[in-house]
C-alpha atoms as a PDB file:
ATOM      1  CA  UNK A   1     107.154 168.362 -14.374  1.00  0.00           C
ATOM      2  CA  UNK A   2     110.192 166.493 -15.770  1.00  0.00           C
ATOM      3  CA  UNK A   3     110.454 162.736 -15.382  1.00  0.00           C
ATOM      4  CA  UNK A   4     113.257 160.559 -16.740  1.00  0.00           C
ATOM      5  CA  UNK A   5     112.633 156.825 -16.638  1.00  0.00           C
ATOM      6  CA  UNK A   6     115.029 153.917 -17.225  1.00  0.00           C
ATOM      7  CA  UNK A   7     117.140 155.951 -19.647  1.00  0.00           C
ATOM      8  CA  UNK A   8     119.940 154.217 -21.536  1.00  0.00           C
ATOM      9  CA  UNK A   9     122.273 156.127 -23.850  1.00  0.00           C
ATOM     10  CA  UNK A  10     125.371 155.200 -25.839  1.00  0.00           C
ATOM     11  CA  UNK A  11     128.255 156.983 -27.500  1.00  0.00           C
ATOM     12  CA  UNK A  12     129.096 154.550 -30.248  1.00  0.00           C
ATOM     13  CA  UNK A  13     129.652 151.197 -28.526  1.00  0.00           C
ATOM     14  CA  UNK A  14     130.136 152.793 -25.108  1.00  0.00           C
ATOM     15  CA  UNK A  15     127.151 152.326 -22.808  1.00  0.00           C
ATOM     16  CA  UNK A  16     127.073 155.600 -20.837  1.00  0.00           C
ATOM     17  CA  UNK A  17     123.651 155.859 -19.145  1.00  0.00           C
ATOM     18  CA  UNK A  18     122.390 152.676 -17.535  1.00  0.00           C
ATOM     19  CA  UNK A  19     118.732 152.772 -16.545  1.00  0.00           C
ATOM     20  CA  UNK A  20     118.724 156.297 -15.105  1.00  0.00           C
ATOM     21  CA  UNK A  21     115.641 157.599 -13.247  1.00  0.00           C
ATOM     22  CA  UNK A  22     115.393 161.273 -12.238  1.00  0.00           C
ATOM     23  CA  UNK A  23     112.456 163.547 -11.439  1.00  0.00           C
ATOM     24  CA  UNK A  24     112.351 167.332 -11.281  1.00  0.00           C
ATOM     25  CA  UNK A  25     108.983 168.524  -9.909  1.00  0.00           C
ATOM     26  CA  UNK A  26     107.738 172.000 -10.758  1.00  0.00           C
ATOM     27  CA  UNK A  27     109.374 174.848  -8.818  1.00  0.00           C
ATOM     28  CA  UNK A  28     111.921 172.417  -7.325  1.00  0.00           C
ATOM     29  CA  UNK A  29     115.701 172.584  -7.428  1.00  0.00           C
ATOM     30  CA  UNK A  30     117.529 169.291  -7.989  1.00  0.00           C
ATOM     31  CA  UNK A  31     121.282 168.701  -7.833  1.00  0.00           C
ATOM     32  CA  UNK A  32     122.991 166.226 -10.161  1.00  0.00           C
ATOM     33  CA  UNK A  33     126.250 165.074  -8.577  1.00  0.00           C
ATOM     34  CA  UNK A  34     129.060 162.758  -9.619  1.00  0.00           C
ATOM     35  CA  UNK A  35     132.723 162.628 -10.479  1.00  0.00           C
ATOM     36  CA  UNK A  36     133.861 163.540 -13.986  1.00  0.00           C
ATOM     37  CA  UNK A  37     132.951 160.949 -16.595  1.00  0.00           C
ATOM     38  CA  UNK A  38     130.051 159.435 -14.640  1.00  0.00           C
ATOM     39  CA  UNK A  39     127.360 160.444 -17.147  1.00  0.00           C
ATOM     40  CA  UNK A  40     125.987 163.754 -15.877  1.00  0.00           C
ATOM     41  CA  UNK A  41     126.436 165.734 -19.077  1.00  0.00           C
ATOM     42  CA  UNK A  42     125.284 162.773 -21.177  1.00  0.00           C
ATOM     43  CA  UNK A  43     122.102 162.670 -19.109  1.00  0.00           C
ATOM     44  CA  UNK A  44     121.479 166.359 -19.747  1.00  0.00           C
ATOM     45  CA  UNK A  45     122.249 166.006 -23.449  1.00  0.00           C
ATOM     46  CA  UNK A  46     119.941 163.000 -23.664  1.00  0.00           C
ATOM     47  CA  UNK A  47     116.995 164.778 -22.086  1.00  0.00           C
ATOM     48  CA  UNK A  48     117.636 167.895 -24.205  1.00  0.00           C
ATOM     49  CA  UNK A  49     117.686 165.932 -27.466  1.00  0.00           C
ATOM     50  CA  UNK A  50     121.367 166.256 -28.376  1.00  0.00           C
ATOM     51  CA  UNK A  51     121.824 162.518 -27.754  1.00  0.00           C
ATOM     52  CA  UNK A  52     119.180 160.006 -28.779  1.00  0.00           C
ATOM     53  CA  UNK A  53     118.551 157.508 -25.946  1.00  0.00           C
ATOM     54  CA  UNK A  54     118.524 153.865 -26.955  1.00  0.00           C
ATOM     55  CA  UNK A  55     115.720 153.083 -24.493  1.00  0.00           C
ATOM     56  CA  UNK A  56     113.756 154.620 -21.653  1.00  0.00           C
ATOM     57  CA  UNK A  57     111.835 157.839 -21.870  1.00  0.00           C
ATOM     58  CA  UNK A  58     111.769 161.516 -20.980  1.00  0.00           C
ATOM     59  CA  UNK A  59     108.412 162.978 -19.952  1.00  0.00           C
ATOM     60  CA  UNK A  60     107.500 166.623 -19.655  1.00  0.00           C
ATOM     61  CA  UNK A  61     104.116 167.328 -18.063  1.00  0.00           C
ATOM     62  CA  UNK A  62     103.295 163.623 -18.573  1.00  0.00           C
ATOM     63  CA  UNK A  63     103.961 163.897 -22.334  1.00  0.00           C
ATOM     64  CA  UNK A  64     106.618 161.672 -23.877  1.00  0.00           C
ATOM     65  CA  UNK A  65     109.268 164.015 -25.312  1.00  0.00           C
ATOM     66  CA  UNK A  66     112.043 161.437 -25.734  1.00  0.00           C
ATOM     67  CA  UNK A  67     114.274 162.388 -28.617  1.00  0.00           C
ATOM     68  CA  UNK A  68     112.692 165.775 -29.222  1.00  0.00           C
ATOM     69  CA  UNK A  69     115.075 168.270 -30.762  1.00  0.00           C
ATOM     70  CA  UNK A  70     116.714 170.895 -28.531  1.00  0.00           C
ATOM     71  CA  UNK A  71     114.621 173.551 -30.278  1.00  0.00           C
ATOM     72  CA  UNK A  72     111.367 171.808 -29.364  1.00  0.00           C
ATOM     73  CA  UNK A  73     112.514 171.338 -25.776  1.00  0.00           C
ATOM     74  CA  UNK A  74     113.360 175.033 -25.549  1.00  0.00           C
ATOM     75  CA  UNK A  75     109.908 175.952 -26.841  1.00  0.00           C
ATOM     76  CA  UNK A  76     108.413 173.812 -24.063  1.00  0.00           C
ATOM     77  CA  UNK A  77     110.143 175.957 -21.455  1.00  0.00           C
ATOM     78  CA  UNK A  78     113.514 174.290 -20.862  1.00  0.00           C
ATOM     79  CA  UNK A  79     116.426 176.718 -20.554  1.00  0.00           C
ATOM     80  CA  UNK A  80     119.912 175.269 -20.907  1.00  0.00           C
ATOM     81  CA  UNK A  81     123.243 176.725 -19.780  1.00  0.00           C
ATOM     82  CA  UNK A  82     125.740 174.238 -21.239  1.00  0.00           C
ATOM     83  CA  UNK A  83     129.192 173.371 -20.035  1.00  0.00           C
ATOM     84  CA  UNK A  84     131.463 175.677 -22.017  1.00  0.00           C
ATOM     85  CA  UNK A  85     128.759 178.417 -22.056  1.00  0.00           C
ATOM     86  CA  UNK A  86     127.859 178.185 -25.750  1.00  0.00           C
ATOM     87  CA  UNK A  87     127.493 181.907 -26.390  1.00  0.00           C
ATOM     88  CA  UNK A  88     127.792 183.360 -29.903  1.00  0.00           C
ATOM     89  CA  UNK A  89     131.306 184.891 -29.974  1.00  0.00           C
ATOM     90  CA  UNK A  90     130.660 187.119 -33.003  1.00  0.00           C
ATOM     91  CA  UNK A  91     127.486 188.654 -31.573  1.00  0.00           C
ATOM     92  CA  UNK A  92     127.471 191.458 -29.036  1.00  0.00           C
ATOM     93  CA  UNK A  93     126.225 190.972 -25.505  1.00  0.00           C
ATOM     94  CA  UNK A  94     123.019 192.782 -26.433  1.00  0.00           C
ATOM     95  CA  UNK A  95     122.527 190.629 -29.532  1.00  0.00           C
ATOM     96  CA  UNK A  96     123.181 187.392 -27.623  1.00  0.00           C
ATOM     97  CA  UNK A  97     120.428 188.340 -25.191  1.00  0.00           C
ATOM     98  CA  UNK A  98     117.838 189.743 -27.569  1.00  0.00           C
ATOM     99  CA  UNK A  99     118.088 186.923 -30.097  1.00  0.00           C
ATOM    100  CA  UNK A 100     116.853 184.478 -27.440  1.00  0.00           C
ATOM    101  CA  UNK A 101     114.090 186.684 -25.975  1.00  0.00           C
ATOM    102  CA  UNK A 102     110.666 185.079 -26.031  1.00  0.00           C
ATOM    103  CA  UNK A 103     107.663 184.768 -23.715  1.00  0.00           C
ATOM    104  CA  UNK A 104     107.280 181.676 -21.587  1.00  0.00           C
ATOM    105  CA  UNK A 105     104.829 178.972 -22.589  1.00  0.00           C
ATOM    106  CA  UNK A 106     102.221 180.720 -20.453  1.00  0.00           C
ATOM    107  CA  UNK A 107     102.787 183.965 -22.365  1.00  0.00           C
ATOM    108  CA  UNK A 108     104.525 185.693 -19.457  1.00  0.00           C
ATOM    109  CA  UNK A 109     107.674 187.796 -19.849  1.00  0.00           C
ATOM    110  CA  UNK A 110     108.917 187.894 -16.275  1.00  0.00           C
ATOM    111  CA  UNK A 111     112.542 187.882 -17.461  1.00  0.00           C
ATOM    112  CA  UNK A 112     113.037 190.951 -19.621  1.00  0.00           C
ATOM    113  CA  UNK A 113     116.211 192.549 -20.927  1.00  0.00           C
ATOM    114  CA  UNK A 114     116.053 195.120 -18.124  1.00  0.00           C
ATOM    115  CA  UNK A 115     115.664 192.431 -15.471  1.00  0.00           C
ATOM    116  CA  UNK A 116     118.680 190.539 -16.791  1.00  0.00           C
ATOM    117  CA  UNK A 117     120.674 193.777 -16.714  1.00  0.00           C
ATOM    118  CA  UNK A 118     119.637 194.312 -13.088  1.00  0.00           C
ATOM    119  CA  UNK A 119     120.629 190.741 -12.248  1.00  0.00           C
ATOM    120  CA  UNK A 120     123.994 191.027 -14.006  1.00  0.00           C
ATOM    121  CA  UNK A 121     124.996 194.705 -13.732  1.00  0.00           C
ATOM    122  CA  UNK A 122     128.483 193.865 -14.979  1.00  0.00           C
ATOM    123  CA  UNK A 123     126.976 193.130 -18.424  1.00  0.00           C
ATOM    124  CA  UNK A 124     125.559 196.648 -18.711  1.00  0.00           C
ATOM    125  CA  UNK A 125     129.125 197.854 -19.215  1.00  0.00           C
ATOM    126  CA  UNK A 126     129.737 195.299 -21.966  1.00  0.00           C
ATOM    127  CA  UNK A 127     126.612 195.531 -24.128  1.00  0.00           C
ATOM    128  CA  UNK A 128     128.473 196.390 -27.317  1.00  0.00           C
ATOM    129  CA  UNK A 129     131.310 193.923 -26.693  1.00  0.00           C
ATOM    130  CA  UNK A 130     131.474 190.709 -28.694  1.00  0.00           C
ATOM    131  CA  UNK A 131     131.122 187.457 -26.824  1.00  0.00           C
ATOM    132  CA  UNK A 132     134.776 186.648 -27.482  1.00  0.00           C
ATOM    133  CA  UNK A 133     135.821 189.871 -25.726  1.00  0.00           C
ATOM    134  CA  UNK A 134     134.309 188.874 -22.382  1.00  0.00           C
ATOM    135  CA  UNK A 135     136.070 187.237 -19.472  1.00  0.00           C
ATOM    136  CA  UNK A 136     135.073 183.705 -18.525  1.00  0.00           C
ATOM    137  CA  UNK A 137     132.880 184.984 -15.703  1.00  0.00           C
ATOM    138  CA  UNK A 138     131.164 187.510 -17.954  1.00  0.00           C
ATOM    139  CA  UNK A 139     130.546 184.818 -20.553  1.00  0.00           C
ATOM    140  CA  UNK A 140     128.905 182.659 -17.899  1.00  0.00           C
ATOM    141  CA  UNK A 141     126.695 185.545 -16.804  1.00  0.00           C
ATOM    142  CA  UNK A 142     125.729 186.085 -20.433  1.00  0.00           C
ATOM    143  CA  UNK A 143     124.946 182.399 -20.909  1.00  0.00           C
ATOM    144  CA  UNK A 144     122.676 182.363 -17.845  1.00  0.00           C
ATOM    145  CA  UNK A 145     121.074 185.661 -18.831  1.00  0.00           C
ATOM    146  CA  UNK A 146     120.397 184.385 -22.345  1.00  0.00           C
ATOM    147  CA  UNK A 147     118.684 181.275 -20.965  1.00  0.00           C
ATOM    148  CA  UNK A 148     116.576 183.417 -18.628  1.00  0.00           C
ATOM    149  CA  UNK A 149     115.453 185.563 -21.576  1.00  0.00           C
ATOM    150  CA  UNK A 150     113.541 182.508 -22.821  1.00  0.00           C
ATOM    151  CA  UNK A 151     111.429 182.700 -19.633  1.00  0.00           C
ATOM    152  CA  UNK A 152     111.928 179.017 -18.818  1.00  0.00           C
ATOM    153  CA  UNK A 153     110.013 176.831 -16.405  1.00  0.00           C
ATOM    154  CA  UNK A 154     113.115 174.687 -15.891  1.00  0.00           C
ATOM    155  CA  UNK A 155     116.687 175.945 -16.045  1.00  0.00           C
ATOM    156  CA  UNK A 156     119.502 173.406 -16.476  1.00  0.00           C
ATOM    157  CA  UNK A 157     122.958 174.576 -15.378  1.00  0.00           C
ATOM    158  CA  UNK A 158     125.872 172.332 -16.349  1.00  0.00           C
ATOM    159  CA  UNK A 159     129.046 173.276 -14.443  1.00  0.00           C
ATOM    160  CA  UNK A 160     128.049 176.937 -14.141  1.00  0.00           C
ATOM    161  CA  UNK A 161     131.033 177.847 -11.917  1.00  0.00           C
ATOM    162  CA  UNK A 162     133.775 175.750 -13.524  1.00  0.00           C
ATOM    163  CA  UNK A 163     137.063 177.586 -13.998  1.00  0.00           C
ATOM    164  CA  UNK A 164     135.818 180.905 -12.635  1.00  0.00           C
ATOM    165  CA  UNK A 165     137.515 183.227 -10.151  1.00  0.00           C
ATOM    166  CA  UNK A 166     136.305 182.876  -6.541  1.00  0.00           C
ATOM    167  CA  UNK A 167     134.510 186.246  -6.491  1.00  0.00           C
ATOM    168  CA  UNK A 168     132.664 185.385  -9.701  1.00  0.00           C
ATOM    169  CA  UNK A 169     131.725 181.982  -8.282  1.00  0.00           C
ATOM    170  CA  UNK A 170     130.126 183.724  -5.296  1.00  0.00           C
ATOM    171  CA  UNK A 171     128.185 185.964  -7.681  1.00  0.00           C
ATOM    172  CA  UNK A 172     126.950 183.020  -9.778  1.00  0.00           C
ATOM    173  CA  UNK A 173     125.693 181.170  -6.701  1.00  0.00           C
ATOM    174  CA  UNK A 174     123.917 184.351  -5.565  1.00  0.00           C
ATOM    175  CA  UNK A 175     122.119 184.511  -8.889  1.00  0.00           C
ATOM    176  CA  UNK A 176     121.237 180.814  -8.726  1.00  0.00           C
ATOM    177  CA  UNK A 177     119.712 181.399  -5.284  1.00  0.00           C
ATOM    178  CA  UNK A 178     117.701 184.328  -6.648  1.00  0.00           C
ATOM    179  CA  UNK A 179     116.457 182.254  -9.598  1.00  0.00           C
ATOM    180  CA  UNK A 180     115.366 179.505  -7.225  1.00  0.00           C
ATOM    181  CA  UNK A 181     113.268 181.995  -5.274  1.00  0.00           C
ATOM    182  CA  UNK A 182     111.350 182.986  -8.423  1.00  0.00           C
ATOM    183  CA  UNK A 183     109.790 179.539  -8.733  1.00  0.00           C
ATOM    184  CA  UNK A 184     111.791 178.398 -11.766  1.00  0.00           C
ATOM    185  CA  UNK A 185     112.736 174.741 -11.364  1.00  0.00           C
ATOM    186  CA  UNK A 186     116.478 174.092 -11.667  1.00  0.00           C
ATOM    187  CA  UNK A 187     118.693 171.097 -12.407  1.00  0.00           C
ATOM    188  CA  UNK A 188     122.212 171.950 -11.256  1.00  0.00           C
ATOM    189  CA  UNK A 189     125.493 170.193 -12.036  1.00  0.00           C
ATOM    190  CA  UNK A 190     128.591 171.443 -10.208  1.00  0.00           C
ATOM    191  CA  UNK A 191     131.727 169.936  -8.704  1.00  0.00           C
ATOM    192  CA  UNK A 192     131.209 171.691  -5.365  1.00  0.00           C
ATOM    193  CA  UNK A 193     128.665 169.317  -3.889  1.00  0.00           C
ATOM    194  CA  UNK A 194     128.338 171.325  -0.702  1.00  0.00           C
ATOM    195  CA  UNK A 195     127.246 174.389  -2.667  1.00  0.00           C
ATOM    196  CA  UNK A 196     124.888 172.297  -4.772  1.00  0.00           C
ATOM    197  CA  UNK A 197     123.201 170.853  -1.698  1.00  0.00           C
ATOM    198  CA  UNK A 198     122.945 174.319  -0.128  1.00  0.00           C
ATOM    199  CA  UNK A 199     121.017 175.571  -3.182  1.00  0.00           C
ATOM    200  CA  UNK A 200     118.745 172.610  -3.942  1.00  0.00           C
ATOM    201  CA  UNK A 201     115.786 170.748  -2.477  1.00  0.00           C
ATOM    202  CA  UNK A 202     116.846 167.299  -3.624  1.00  0.00           C
ATOM    203  CA  UNK A 203     119.881 165.674  -5.254  1.00  0.00           C
ATOM    204  CA  UNK A 204     120.969 162.497  -7.000  1.00  0.00           C
ATOM    205  CA  UNK A 205     124.464 161.037  -7.251  1.00  0.00           C
ATOM    206  CA  UNK A 206     125.690 159.297 -10.413  1.00  0.00           C
ATOM    207  CA  UNK A 207     128.406 156.688 -10.632  1.00  0.00           C
ATOM    208  CA  UNK A 208     129.331 154.862 -13.837  1.00  0.00           C
ATOM    209  CA  UNK A 209     126.120 155.891 -15.543  1.00  0.00           C
ATOM    210  CA  UNK A 210     123.766 154.883 -12.733  1.00  0.00           C
ATOM    211  CA  UNK A 211     121.992 156.703  -9.917  1.00  0.00           C
ATOM    212  CA  UNK A 212     123.602 155.313  -6.764  1.00  0.00           C
ATOM    213  CA  UNK A 213     122.255 157.741  -4.153  1.00  0.00           C
ATOM    214  CA  UNK A 214     119.328 160.119  -3.927  1.00  0.00           C
ATOM    215  CA  UNK A 215     117.437 162.035  -1.295  1.00  0.00           C
ATOM    216  CA  UNK A 216     116.659 165.456   0.041  1.00  0.00           C
ATOM    217  CA  UNK A 217     119.557 167.866   0.136  1.00  0.00           C
ATOM    218  CA  UNK A 218     119.511 168.030   3.976  1.00  0.00           C
ATOM    219  CA  UNK A 219     119.644 164.205   4.112  1.00  0.00           C
ATOM    220  CA  UNK A 220     122.658 164.082   1.817  1.00  0.00           C
ATOM    221  CA  UNK A 221     124.359 166.977   3.615  1.00  0.00           C
ATOM    222  CA  UNK A 222     124.098 164.952   6.821  1.00  0.00           C
ATOM    223  CA  UNK A 223     126.158 162.129   5.241  1.00  0.00           C
ATOM    224  CA  UNK A 224     129.411 163.922   4.280  1.00  0.00           C
ATOM    225  CA  UNK A 225     131.634 160.842   4.600  1.00  0.00           C
ATOM    226  CA  UNK A 226     129.465 158.879   2.182  1.00  0.00           C
ATOM    227  CA  UNK A 227     129.451 161.741  -0.301  1.00  0.00           C
ATOM    228  CA  UNK A 228     133.215 162.200  -0.033  1.00  0.00           C
ATOM    229  CA  UNK A 229     133.624 158.519  -0.862  1.00  0.00           C
ATOM    230  CA  UNK A 230     131.374 158.894  -3.909  1.00  0.00           C
ATOM    231  CA  UNK A 231     132.516 162.328  -5.078  1.00  0.00           C
ATOM    232  CA  UNK A 232     136.010 162.901  -3.731  1.00  0.00           C
ATOM    233  CA  UNK A 233     139.029 162.965  -6.027  1.00  0.00           C
END
């Protein structure tokens, strides 16, 4: 479904992505691993259209979508939960969810307001609260719920558990597992590589803007010493 080929991206004179290749087949979960500053978020921002790649291409369903705006990517079925959550602080929980509601590109509305409420029951108690009134965990739930309201084919989660309390982290991973079972493809970035590999089919490891390791999640799980060397602090 999504194919990234030989992608190079810069921030000013800094060469961040260096010939990156990544594929996310339909209904597949892929982990994107790497230490901080290795290019993971730049890769996501490049494929979503926030950063214009200098070369290479992004394909969606075999169509070249390199440099498309984030709005066009969203209309093609890409849901994005950014690092920092990106909710609208002056809108209520209900408004944050309903403003993003739309059918999927196939016309289906599998993810409705009621389904999001069932998935995140904590939000039902906060519907009239502004985004700025929510805890960090509640904001993350809202950010994921808002992305699901677009009925995406691919959901990108960038550091979905960062800075959250342990009980909330458990809840977020439960939801990610549930989403995976629905057939939505996912691209997951998280510092806990063990959790990422437990909730994905495949994974790639980035180092200094390059893909240095890739394979099935069971294959990578079976090489903990190698991953610790690549990902450890």
